[in-house]
Amino acid sequence: MIDLFALVSGFAILCASGLIAFTARRLLPAVLAIAVLAVLAAVTAVHLGLFASVTPLLVIYANGALMGGLCGALYARKRAEERRS
């Protein structure tokens, strides 16, 4: 069973990574920023006592970051194509 904190914070990571991928102009800085965001969020949550272990939280955050990053990048590409035509 998933923890409510992991669910809400995973969704927040998904949204934040989508926004980063949408606003970033290049792929490498976006990927680095999203990876740093996910790792720091997981470590901080465990350090503050909000979650018991880093590993499951990092998996949840990595999945959310991957999905959000891909969706943000694809949406940015679609918007760029619409502006050109």
N, C-alpha and C. Protein backbone atom coordinates (compact mmCIF):
# COMPACT_ATOMS: atom_id res chain seq x y z
N MET A 1 0.86 -1.17 0.00
CA MET A 1 0.00 0.00 0.00
C MET A 1 0.90 1.24 0.00
N ILE A 2 0.57 2.18 -0.84
CA ILE A 2 1.39 3.38 -0.95
C ILE A 2 1.00 4.39 0.13
N ASP A 3 1.98 5.06 0.62
CA ASP A 3 1.78 6.08 1.64
C ASP A 3 1.20 7.33 0.99
N LEU A 4 0.36 8.05 1.71
CA LEU A 4 -0.26 9.27 1.18
C LEU A 4 0.79 10.33 0.89
N PHE A 5 1.80 10.43 1.74
CA PHE A 5 2.87 11.40 1.49
C PHE A 5 3.60 11.08 0.19
N ALA A 6 3.89 9.80 -0.05
CA ALA A 6 4.59 9.40 -1.27
C ALA A 6 3.74 9.69 -2.50
N LEU A 7 2.46 9.49 -2.40
CA LEU A 7 1.56 9.74 -3.52
C LEU A 7 1.50 11.23 -3.86
N VAL A 8 1.30 12.05 -2.87
CA VAL A 8 1.18 13.50 -3.10
C VAL A 8 2.51 14.09 -3.54
N SER A 9 3.59 13.70 -2.88
CA SER A 9 4.89 14.25 -3.26
C SER A 9 5.36 13.72 -4.62
N GLY A 10 5.00 12.49 -4.95
CA GLY A 10 5.31 11.95 -6.28
C GLY A 10 4.60 12.72 -7.37
N PHE A 11 3.36 13.08 -7.11
CA PHE A 11 2.61 13.89 -8.08
C PHE A 11 3.22 15.29 -8.20
N ALA A 12 3.69 15.84 -7.09
CA ALA A 12 4.35 17.15 -7.13
C ALA A 12 5.65 17.08 -7.94
N ILE A 13 6.40 16.00 -7.79
CA ILE A 13 7.62 15.80 -8.57
C ILE A 13 7.28 15.66 -10.04
N LEU A 14 6.22 14.95 -10.36
CA LEU A 14 5.78 14.79 -11.74
C LEU A 14 5.47 16.16 -12.35
N CYS A 15 4.72 16.98 -11.65
CA CYS A 15 4.36 18.31 -12.16
C CYS A 15 5.58 19.21 -12.28
N ALA A 16 6.45 19.18 -11.29
CA ALA A 16 7.64 20.04 -11.32
C ALA A 16 8.58 19.62 -12.44
N SER A 17 8.75 18.34 -12.66
CA SER A 17 9.63 17.89 -13.74
C SER A 17 9.03 18.20 -15.10
N GLY A 18 7.72 18.13 -15.22
CA GLY A 18 7.08 18.52 -16.47
C GLY A 18 7.29 19.99 -16.76
N LEU A 19 7.20 20.82 -15.74
CA LEU A 19 7.42 22.26 -15.91
C LEU A 19 8.88 22.55 -16.27
N ILE A 20 9.80 21.86 -15.62
CA ILE A 20 11.22 22.05 -15.94
C ILE A 20 11.51 21.64 -17.38
N ALA A 21 11.00 20.50 -17.79
CA ALA A 21 11.25 20.03 -19.15
C ALA A 21 10.58 20.93 -20.18
N PHE A 22 9.45 21.51 -19.84
CA PHE A 22 8.76 22.39 -20.77
C PHE A 22 9.49 23.71 -20.94
N THR A 23 10.03 24.26 -19.85
CA THR A 23 10.66 25.57 -19.92
C THR A 23 12.12 25.51 -20.32
N ALA A 24 12.80 24.38 -20.13
CA ALA A 24 14.21 24.28 -20.49
C ALA A 24 14.35 24.21 -22.00
N ARG A 25 15.36 24.86 -22.52
CA ARG A 25 15.58 24.88 -23.97
C ARG A 25 16.40 23.70 -24.44
N ARG A 26 17.23 23.15 -23.60
CA ARG A 26 18.10 22.02 -23.97
C ARG A 26 17.78 20.82 -23.09
N LEU A 27 18.08 19.65 -23.62
CA LEU A 27 17.73 18.41 -22.94
C LEU A 27 18.63 18.13 -21.73
N LEU A 28 19.93 18.28 -21.87
CA LEU A 28 20.84 17.93 -20.79
C LEU A 28 20.63 18.75 -19.51
N PRO A 29 20.49 20.08 -19.58
CA PRO A 29 20.22 20.81 -18.34
C PRO A 29 18.89 20.43 -17.70
N ALA A 30 17.90 20.12 -18.51
CA ALA A 30 16.60 19.71 -17.97
C ALA A 30 16.72 18.37 -17.24
N VAL A 31 17.42 17.43 -17.83
CA VAL A 31 17.59 16.11 -17.21
C VAL A 31 18.38 16.23 -15.91
N LEU A 32 19.43 17.03 -15.91
CA LEU A 32 20.21 17.21 -14.70
C LEU A 32 19.40 17.88 -13.59
N ALA A 33 18.64 18.90 -13.94
CA ALA A 33 17.82 19.59 -12.94
C ALA A 33 16.74 18.67 -12.37
N ILE A 34 16.14 17.88 -13.22
CA ILE A 34 15.09 16.96 -12.76
C ILE A 34 15.69 15.87 -11.87
N ALA A 35 16.85 15.34 -12.24
CA ALA A 35 17.50 14.31 -11.42
C ALA A 35 17.89 14.86 -10.06
N VAL A 36 18.46 16.05 -10.05
CA VAL A 36 18.83 16.67 -8.77
C VAL A 36 17.59 16.91 -7.91
N LEU A 37 16.52 17.36 -8.53
CA LEU A 37 15.28 17.60 -7.80
C LEU A 37 14.76 16.31 -7.15
N ALA A 38 14.74 15.22 -7.90
CA ALA A 38 14.22 13.96 -7.38
C ALA A 38 15.09 13.41 -6.24
N VAL A 39 16.40 13.44 -6.41
CA VAL A 39 17.29 12.90 -5.38
C VAL A 39 17.24 13.76 -4.12
N LEU A 40 17.31 15.07 -4.28
CA LEU A 40 17.27 15.95 -3.11
C LEU A 40 15.93 15.85 -2.37
N ALA A 41 14.85 15.73 -3.11
CA ALA A 41 13.54 15.60 -2.46
C ALA A 41 13.45 14.30 -1.67
N ALA A 42 13.95 13.21 -2.22
CA ALA A 42 13.90 11.92 -1.51
C ALA A 42 14.78 11.95 -0.26
N VAL A 43 15.98 12.45 -0.39
CA VAL A 43 16.90 12.50 0.76
C VAL A 43 16.35 13.43 1.84
N THR A 44 15.81 14.56 1.44
CA THR A 44 15.26 15.51 2.40
C THR A 44 14.05 14.92 3.13
N ALA A 45 13.18 14.23 2.42
CA ALA A 45 12.01 13.64 3.06
C ALA A 45 12.40 12.59 4.09
N VAL A 46 13.41 11.80 3.79
CA VAL A 46 13.86 10.79 4.75
C VAL A 46 14.57 11.47 5.92
N HIS A 47 15.37 12.48 5.64
CA HIS A 47 16.08 13.19 6.71
C HIS A 47 15.11 13.88 7.67
N LEU A 48 14.01 14.41 7.15
CA LEU A 48 13.02 15.07 8.00
C LEU A 48 12.07 14.09 8.70
N GLY A 49 12.19 12.82 8.38
CA GLY A 49 11.37 11.82 9.03
C GLY A 49 9.99 11.63 8.42
N LEU A 50 9.79 12.12 7.21
CA LEU A 50 8.49 11.98 6.57
C LEU A 50 8.31 10.61 5.90
N PHE A 51 9.40 9.92 5.65
CA PHE A 51 9.35 8.60 5.03
C PHE A 51 10.45 7.76 5.64
N ALA A 52 10.28 6.45 5.64
CA ALA A 52 11.19 5.57 6.37
C ALA A 52 12.49 5.28 5.61
N SER A 53 12.44 5.10 4.30
CA SER A 53 13.61 4.68 3.55
C SER A 53 13.73 5.47 2.25
N VAL A 54 14.95 5.66 1.80
CA VAL A 54 15.19 6.44 0.57
C VAL A 54 14.82 5.64 -0.67
N THR A 55 15.11 4.35 -0.68
CA THR A 55 14.98 3.57 -1.90
C THR A 55 13.57 3.55 -2.48
N PRO A 56 12.51 3.22 -1.74
CA PRO A 56 11.19 3.23 -2.37
C PRO A 56 10.75 4.63 -2.79
N LEU A 57 11.11 5.61 -2.00
CA LEU A 57 10.73 6.98 -2.33
C LEU A 57 11.48 7.45 -3.58
N LEU A 58 12.74 7.06 -3.70
CA LEU A 58 13.51 7.44 -4.88
C LEU A 58 12.96 6.77 -6.14
N VAL A 59 12.48 5.55 -6.02
CA VAL A 59 11.86 4.88 -7.16
C VAL A 59 10.59 5.60 -7.58
N ILE A 60 9.78 5.97 -6.62
CA ILE A 60 8.54 6.70 -6.93
C ILE A 60 8.87 8.04 -7.58
N TYR A 61 9.84 8.75 -7.02
CA TYR A 61 10.22 10.06 -7.57
C TYR A 61 10.86 9.92 -8.95
N ALA A 62 11.66 8.89 -9.16
CA ALA A 62 12.29 8.70 -10.47
C ALA A 62 11.24 8.41 -11.54
N ASN A 63 10.25 7.60 -11.20
CA ASN A 63 9.17 7.33 -12.16
C ASN A 63 8.37 8.59 -12.46
N GLY A 64 8.05 9.36 -11.44
CA GLY A 64 7.33 10.62 -11.66
C GLY A 64 8.14 11.61 -12.45
N ALA A 65 9.44 11.68 -12.18
CA ALA A 65 10.32 12.60 -12.91
C ALA A 65 10.45 12.19 -14.37
N LEU A 66 10.54 10.90 -14.62
CA LEU A 66 10.64 10.41 -15.99
C LEU A 66 9.37 10.72 -16.77
N MET A 67 8.23 10.41 -16.19
CA MET A 67 6.96 10.66 -16.88
C MET A 67 6.72 12.16 -17.08
N GLY A 68 6.97 12.95 -16.07
CA GLY A 68 6.77 14.39 -16.18
C GLY A 68 7.74 15.01 -17.16
N GLY A 69 8.99 14.57 -17.14
CA GLY A 69 9.98 15.11 -18.06
C GLY A 69 9.65 14.79 -19.50
N LEU A 70 9.24 13.55 -19.76
CA LEU A 70 8.86 13.19 -21.12
C LEU A 70 7.64 13.95 -21.61
N CYS A 71 6.64 14.07 -20.77
CA CYS A 71 5.43 14.80 -21.16
C CYS A 71 5.72 16.28 -21.38
N GLY A 72 6.53 16.87 -20.51
CA GLY A 72 6.89 18.27 -20.67
C GLY A 72 7.67 18.53 -21.94
N ALA A 73 8.62 17.65 -22.25
CA ALA A 73 9.43 17.80 -23.46
C ALA A 73 8.59 17.60 -24.72
N LEU A 74 7.72 16.61 -24.70
CA LEU A 74 6.85 16.39 -25.86
C LEU A 74 5.87 17.53 -26.07
N TYR A 75 5.35 18.07 -24.99
CA TYR A 75 4.43 19.20 -25.12
C TYR A 75 5.16 20.44 -25.62
N ALA A 76 6.39 20.66 -25.17
CA ALA A 76 7.18 21.80 -25.65
C ALA A 76 7.47 21.65 -27.14
N ARG A 77 7.77 20.43 -27.58
CA ARG A 77 8.02 20.19 -29.01
C ARG A 77 6.76 20.45 -29.83
N LYS A 78 5.62 20.00 -29.32
CA LYS A 78 4.35 20.21 -30.04
C LYS A 78 4.04 21.70 -30.15
N ARG A 79 4.27 22.44 -29.07
CA ARG A 79 4.02 23.91 -29.09
C ARG A 79 4.96 24.62 -30.06
N ALA A 80 6.21 24.15 -30.14
CA ALA A 80 7.17 24.77 -31.07
C ALA A 80 6.77 24.51 -32.51
N GLU A 81 6.26 23.32 -32.80
CA GLU A 81 5.80 23.03 -34.15
C GLU A 81 4.58 23.85 -34.52
N GLU A 82 3.69 24.08 -33.56
CA GLU A 82 2.50 24.88 -33.84
C GLU A 82 2.86 26.34 -34.09
N ARG A 83 3.88 26.83 -33.43
CA ARG A 83 4.31 28.21 -33.65
C ARG A 83 4.95 28.39 -35.01
N ARG A 84 5.66 27.38 -35.51
CA ARG A 84 6.30 27.47 -36.82
C ARG A 84 5.29 27.48 -37.95
N SER A 85 4.17 26.79 -37.79
CA SER A 85 3.19 26.74 -38.88
C SER A 85 2.12 27.76 -38.78
